[in-house]
N, C-alpha and C. Protein backbone atom coordinates (compact mmCIF):
# COMPACT_ATOMS: atom_id res chain seq x y z
N MET A 1 0.81 -1.20 0.00
CA MET A 1 0.00 0.00 0.00
C MET A 1 0.85 1.27 0.00
N ARG A 2 2.11 1.13 -0.36
CA ARG A 2 2.97 2.31 -0.48
C ARG A 2 2.51 3.18 -1.64
N TRP A 3 1.86 2.58 -2.63
CA TRP A 3 1.38 3.34 -3.77
C TRP A 3 0.30 4.34 -3.37
N LEU A 4 -0.51 3.97 -2.38
CA LEU A 4 -1.55 4.87 -1.91
C LEU A 4 -0.94 6.07 -1.18
N LEU A 5 0.10 5.84 -0.43
CA LEU A 5 0.79 6.94 0.24
C LEU A 5 1.45 7.85 -0.80
N PHE A 6 2.04 7.26 -1.83
CA PHE A 6 2.65 8.05 -2.89
C PHE A 6 1.61 8.90 -3.62
N LEU A 7 0.47 8.29 -3.98
CA LEU A 7 -0.58 9.04 -4.65
C LEU A 7 -1.15 10.13 -3.76
N SER A 8 -1.24 9.87 -2.47
CA SER A 8 -1.75 10.87 -1.54
C SER A 8 -0.80 12.06 -1.45
N ARG A 9 0.49 11.79 -1.41
CA ARG A 9 1.46 12.88 -1.38
C ARG A 9 1.46 13.67 -2.69
N LEU A 10 1.33 12.97 -3.81
CA LEU A 10 1.25 13.64 -5.10
C LEU A 10 0.01 14.51 -5.19
N ALA A 11 -1.11 14.02 -4.68
CA ALA A 11 -2.34 14.81 -4.67
C ALA A 11 -2.21 16.02 -3.77
N PHE A 12 -1.50 15.88 -2.66
CA PHE A 12 -1.30 17.02 -1.77
C PHE A 12 -0.47 18.11 -2.45
N ILE A 13 0.58 17.71 -3.16
CA ILE A 13 1.41 18.67 -3.89
C ILE A 13 0.59 19.35 -4.99
N CYS A 14 -0.24 18.58 -5.70
CA CYS A 14 -1.12 19.17 -6.71
C CYS A 14 -2.13 20.11 -6.06
N GLY A 15 -2.57 19.81 -4.85
CA GLY A 15 -3.49 20.68 -4.14
C GLY A 15 -2.86 22.01 -3.78
N ILE A 16 -1.60 21.98 -3.37
CA ILE A 16 -0.89 23.22 -3.09
C ILE A 16 -0.77 24.06 -4.36
N PHE A 17 -0.45 23.41 -5.48
CA PHE A 17 -0.36 24.12 -6.74
C PHE A 17 -1.74 24.62 -7.19
N PHE A 18 -2.80 23.89 -6.85
CA PHE A 18 -4.15 24.33 -7.17
C PHE A 18 -4.48 25.63 -6.43
N LEU A 19 -4.11 25.71 -5.17
CA LEU A 19 -4.36 26.94 -4.41
C LEU A 19 -3.55 28.11 -4.96
N VAL A 20 -2.32 27.84 -5.38
CA VAL A 20 -1.49 28.89 -5.97
C VAL A 20 -2.10 29.34 -7.31
N ALA A 21 -2.63 28.38 -8.09
CA ALA A 21 -3.26 28.73 -9.37
C ALA A 21 -4.52 29.57 -9.14
N ILE A 22 -5.27 29.27 -8.09
CA ILE A 22 -6.44 30.09 -7.76
C ILE A 22 -6.00 31.50 -7.38
N SER A 23 -4.91 31.61 -6.63
CA SER A 23 -4.43 32.95 -6.26
C SER A 23 -3.94 33.71 -7.49
N LEU A 24 -3.40 33.00 -8.48
CA LEU A 24 -3.01 33.65 -9.73
C LEU A 24 -4.21 34.12 -10.52
N LEU A 25 -5.32 33.42 -10.38
CA LEU A 25 -6.54 33.84 -11.06
C LEU A 25 -7.11 35.11 -10.43
N VAL A 26 -7.01 35.20 -9.12
CA VAL A 26 -7.52 36.37 -8.42
C VAL A 26 -6.65 37.59 -8.70
N LYS A 27 -5.33 37.44 -8.57
CA LYS A 27 -4.42 38.54 -8.80
C LYS A 27 -3.17 38.01 -9.48
N ALA A 28 -2.80 38.59 -10.60
CA ALA A 28 -1.62 38.14 -11.35
C ALA A 28 -0.36 38.69 -10.69
N TRP A 29 0.13 37.99 -9.70
CA TRP A 29 1.29 38.44 -8.95
C TRP A 29 2.60 37.85 -9.47
N LEU A 30 2.51 36.97 -10.46
CA LEU A 30 3.71 36.33 -11.01
C LEU A 30 3.89 36.80 -12.46
N PRO A 31 4.99 37.51 -12.77
CA PRO A 31 5.13 38.06 -14.12
C PRO A 31 5.56 37.05 -15.18
N ASP A 32 6.22 35.98 -14.80
CA ASP A 32 6.76 35.02 -15.76
C ASP A 32 5.64 34.12 -16.30
N GLY A 33 5.48 34.10 -17.61
CA GLY A 33 4.41 33.32 -18.23
C GLY A 33 4.65 31.82 -18.19
N ASN A 34 5.92 31.40 -18.32
CA ASN A 34 6.21 29.97 -18.32
C ASN A 34 5.96 29.34 -16.95
N LEU A 35 6.40 30.02 -15.92
CA LEU A 35 6.18 29.50 -14.57
C LEU A 35 4.70 29.51 -14.21
N LYS A 36 4.01 30.55 -14.64
CA LYS A 36 2.58 30.65 -14.38
C LYS A 36 1.82 29.52 -15.07
N SER A 37 2.16 29.22 -16.31
CA SER A 37 1.47 28.14 -17.02
C SER A 37 1.79 26.78 -16.42
N THR A 38 3.00 26.59 -15.93
CA THR A 38 3.35 25.34 -15.27
C THR A 38 2.56 25.15 -13.99
N ILE A 39 2.42 26.20 -13.21
CA ILE A 39 1.64 26.13 -11.97
C ILE A 39 0.19 25.81 -12.28
N ILE A 40 -0.36 26.44 -13.31
CA ILE A 40 -1.76 26.20 -13.66
C ILE A 40 -1.96 24.77 -14.16
N ILE A 41 -1.04 24.26 -14.96
CA ILE A 41 -1.16 22.89 -15.46
C ILE A 41 -1.10 21.89 -14.31
N ILE A 42 -0.13 22.04 -13.42
CA ILE A 42 0.00 21.11 -12.30
C ILE A 42 -1.21 21.22 -11.38
N GLY A 43 -1.64 22.43 -11.08
CA GLY A 43 -2.73 22.62 -10.14
C GLY A 43 -4.08 22.23 -10.68
N ASP A 44 -4.41 22.68 -11.88
CA ASP A 44 -5.75 22.45 -12.40
C ASP A 44 -5.87 21.12 -13.15
N LEU A 45 -5.04 20.94 -14.15
CA LEU A 45 -5.18 19.75 -14.98
C LEU A 45 -4.83 18.46 -14.23
N MET A 46 -3.67 18.45 -13.60
CA MET A 46 -3.32 17.24 -12.84
C MET A 46 -4.24 17.06 -11.64
N GLY A 47 -4.69 18.18 -11.06
CA GLY A 47 -5.61 18.10 -9.93
C GLY A 47 -6.93 17.47 -10.31
N MET A 48 -7.41 17.76 -11.52
CA MET A 48 -8.67 17.17 -11.97
C MET A 48 -8.57 15.67 -12.18
N ILE A 49 -7.38 15.19 -12.37
CA ILE A 49 -7.17 13.75 -12.55
C ILE A 49 -6.82 13.08 -11.22
N ILE A 50 -5.94 13.69 -10.46
CA ILE A 50 -5.40 13.07 -9.25
C ILE A 50 -6.39 13.07 -8.10
N PHE A 51 -7.08 14.19 -7.85
CA PHE A 51 -7.97 14.27 -6.68
C PHE A 51 -9.09 13.22 -6.71
N PRO A 52 -9.82 13.08 -7.83
CA PRO A 52 -10.84 12.02 -7.84
C PRO A 52 -10.25 10.62 -7.78
N ALA A 53 -9.09 10.42 -8.41
CA ALA A 53 -8.47 9.09 -8.39
C ALA A 53 -8.06 8.69 -6.97
N VAL A 54 -7.47 9.61 -6.25
CA VAL A 54 -7.04 9.32 -4.87
C VAL A 54 -8.25 9.08 -3.98
N THR A 55 -9.30 9.88 -4.15
CA THR A 55 -10.50 9.69 -3.35
C THR A 55 -11.17 8.36 -3.65
N LEU A 56 -11.19 7.97 -4.92
CA LEU A 56 -11.73 6.65 -5.27
C LEU A 56 -10.86 5.53 -4.70
N CYS A 57 -9.56 5.72 -4.66
CA CYS A 57 -8.68 4.72 -4.04
C CYS A 57 -8.95 4.62 -2.54
N TYR A 58 -9.18 5.76 -1.88
CA TYR A 58 -9.54 5.73 -0.47
C TYR A 58 -10.83 4.94 -0.26
N LEU A 59 -11.82 5.20 -1.11
CA LEU A 59 -13.08 4.47 -1.00
C LEU A 59 -12.90 2.99 -1.29
N GLY A 60 -12.05 2.67 -2.27
CA GLY A 60 -11.80 1.26 -2.59
C GLY A 60 -11.13 0.52 -1.45
N VAL A 61 -10.16 1.14 -0.83
CA VAL A 61 -9.49 0.50 0.32
C VAL A 61 -10.46 0.37 1.48
N TRP A 62 -11.29 1.38 1.67
CA TRP A 62 -12.28 1.33 2.74
C TRP A 62 -13.33 0.25 2.48
N MET A 63 -13.68 0.04 1.20
CA MET A 63 -14.70 -0.97 0.85
C MET A 63 -14.19 -2.39 1.06
N ILE A 64 -12.89 -2.62 0.94
CA ILE A 64 -12.38 -3.97 1.16
C ILE A 64 -12.03 -4.20 2.63
N LYS A 65 -12.60 -3.35 3.46
CA LYS A 65 -12.53 -3.49 4.92
C LYS A 65 -11.13 -3.32 5.49
N ARG A 66 -10.36 -2.46 4.87
CA ARG A 66 -9.06 -2.10 5.46
C ARG A 66 -9.12 -0.67 5.91
N LYS A 67 -8.35 -0.36 6.91
CA LYS A 67 -8.32 1.01 7.41
C LYS A 67 -7.31 1.81 6.60
N VAL A 68 -7.80 2.89 6.03
CA VAL A 68 -6.94 3.75 5.23
C VAL A 68 -5.91 4.44 6.11
N ARG A 69 -6.28 4.69 7.36
CA ARG A 69 -5.38 5.40 8.28
C ARG A 69 -4.13 4.57 8.62
N GLU A 70 -4.16 3.28 8.36
CA GLU A 70 -2.95 2.47 8.58
C GLU A 70 -1.88 2.80 7.55
N TYR A 71 -2.29 3.28 6.39
CA TYR A 71 -1.36 3.52 5.29
C TYR A 71 -1.08 5.00 5.05
N VAL A 72 -2.08 5.83 5.30
CA VAL A 72 -1.98 7.26 5.02
C VAL A 72 -2.37 8.03 6.27
N PRO A 73 -1.62 9.07 6.64
CA PRO A 73 -2.00 9.86 7.82
C PRO A 73 -3.35 10.56 7.62
N LEU A 74 -4.05 10.75 8.73
CA LEU A 74 -5.39 11.31 8.67
C LEU A 74 -5.39 12.73 8.12
N TRP A 75 -4.39 13.54 8.46
CA TRP A 75 -4.36 14.91 7.96
C TRP A 75 -4.22 14.95 6.45
N LEU A 76 -3.52 13.97 5.87
CA LEU A 76 -3.35 13.91 4.43
C LEU A 76 -4.65 13.50 3.74
N ILE A 77 -5.38 12.60 4.34
CA ILE A 77 -6.67 12.18 3.80
C ILE A 77 -7.64 13.36 3.81
N ILE A 78 -7.71 14.06 4.94
CA ILE A 78 -8.62 15.20 5.06
C ILE A 78 -8.23 16.31 4.08
N ALA A 79 -6.94 16.58 3.95
CA ALA A 79 -6.48 17.64 3.04
C ALA A 79 -6.84 17.30 1.59
N ASN A 80 -6.65 16.05 1.19
CA ASN A 80 -6.95 15.66 -0.19
C ASN A 80 -8.45 15.71 -0.48
N VAL A 81 -9.26 15.32 0.48
CA VAL A 81 -10.71 15.39 0.28
C VAL A 81 -11.15 16.86 0.22
N LEU A 82 -10.56 17.72 1.04
CA LEU A 82 -10.89 19.14 0.99
C LEU A 82 -10.45 19.78 -0.33
N PHE A 83 -9.30 19.35 -0.85
CA PHE A 83 -8.86 19.85 -2.16
C PHE A 83 -9.84 19.40 -3.25
N LEU A 84 -10.35 18.18 -3.15
CA LEU A 84 -11.33 17.71 -4.12
C LEU A 84 -12.60 18.54 -4.04
N LEU A 85 -13.07 18.82 -2.84
CA LEU A 85 -14.27 19.64 -2.69
C LEU A 85 -14.05 21.06 -3.21
N ALA A 86 -12.86 21.60 -2.97
CA ALA A 86 -12.54 22.94 -3.49
C ALA A 86 -12.50 22.94 -5.01
N LEU A 87 -11.97 21.88 -5.60
CA LEU A 87 -11.92 21.78 -7.06
C LEU A 87 -13.33 21.68 -7.64
N ILE A 88 -14.18 20.89 -7.02
CA ILE A 88 -15.56 20.77 -7.49
C ILE A 88 -16.27 22.11 -7.38
N TYR A 89 -16.09 22.81 -6.27
CA TYR A 89 -16.70 24.13 -6.12
C TYR A 89 -16.18 25.09 -7.17
N PHE A 90 -14.89 25.05 -7.44
CA PHE A 90 -14.29 25.94 -8.44
C PHE A 90 -14.84 25.65 -9.83
N ILE A 91 -15.02 24.39 -10.17
CA ILE A 91 -15.57 24.02 -11.48
C ILE A 91 -17.01 24.53 -11.60
N PHE A 92 -17.82 24.34 -10.56
CA PHE A 92 -19.19 24.83 -10.61
C PHE A 92 -19.25 26.35 -10.62
N TYR A 93 -18.33 27.00 -9.96
CA TYR A 93 -18.28 28.46 -9.95
C TYR A 93 -17.96 28.99 -11.34
N LEU A 94 -17.03 28.36 -12.04
CA LEU A 94 -16.69 28.83 -13.37
C LEU A 94 -17.79 28.55 -14.38
N ASN A 95 -18.59 27.54 -14.18
CA ASN A 95 -19.67 27.21 -15.09
C ASN A 95 -20.99 27.85 -14.71
N ASP A 96 -20.97 28.72 -13.74
CA ASP A 96 -22.17 29.44 -13.33
C ASP A 96 -22.53 30.47 -14.41
N PRO A 97 -23.78 30.49 -14.87
CA PRO A 97 -24.12 31.44 -15.93
C PRO A 97 -24.04 32.90 -15.47
N TYR A 98 -24.20 33.16 -14.17
CA TYR A 98 -24.11 34.53 -13.68
C TYR A 98 -22.67 35.01 -13.58
N TYR A 99 -21.71 34.10 -13.59
CA TYR A 99 -20.29 34.47 -13.54
C TYR A 99 -19.88 35.19 -14.82
N HIS A 100 -20.46 34.80 -15.95
CA HIS A 100 -20.05 35.35 -17.23
C HIS A 100 -20.87 36.57 -17.65
N GLN A 101 -21.79 37.03 -16.83
CA GLN A 101 -22.59 38.19 -17.18
C GLN A 101 -21.88 39.51 -16.89
N ARG A 102 -20.81 39.50 -16.17
CA ARG A 102 -20.13 40.74 -15.82
C ARG A 102 -19.45 41.36 -16.99
């Protein structure tokens, strides 16, 4: 189950980049375009793949009656689930029809 710990750590790193990408959306504080695009790719694109995959792996391990906390620390599980919820909220926020009326 070392793969689950690895995926959890990778999802956490993508979550940090997701928060930085959100801050870049609010205010463009980074002048370099290449670094900005790398942060956005890691945060948004990889986050859209990694967060649901890790959460499904957590559910799969839980369904086969094993404790996920034996393999992954609880703070990492909570952080990854919160990043997934933040990503879902962000996707729904961007697809809101009232968002584009401004």
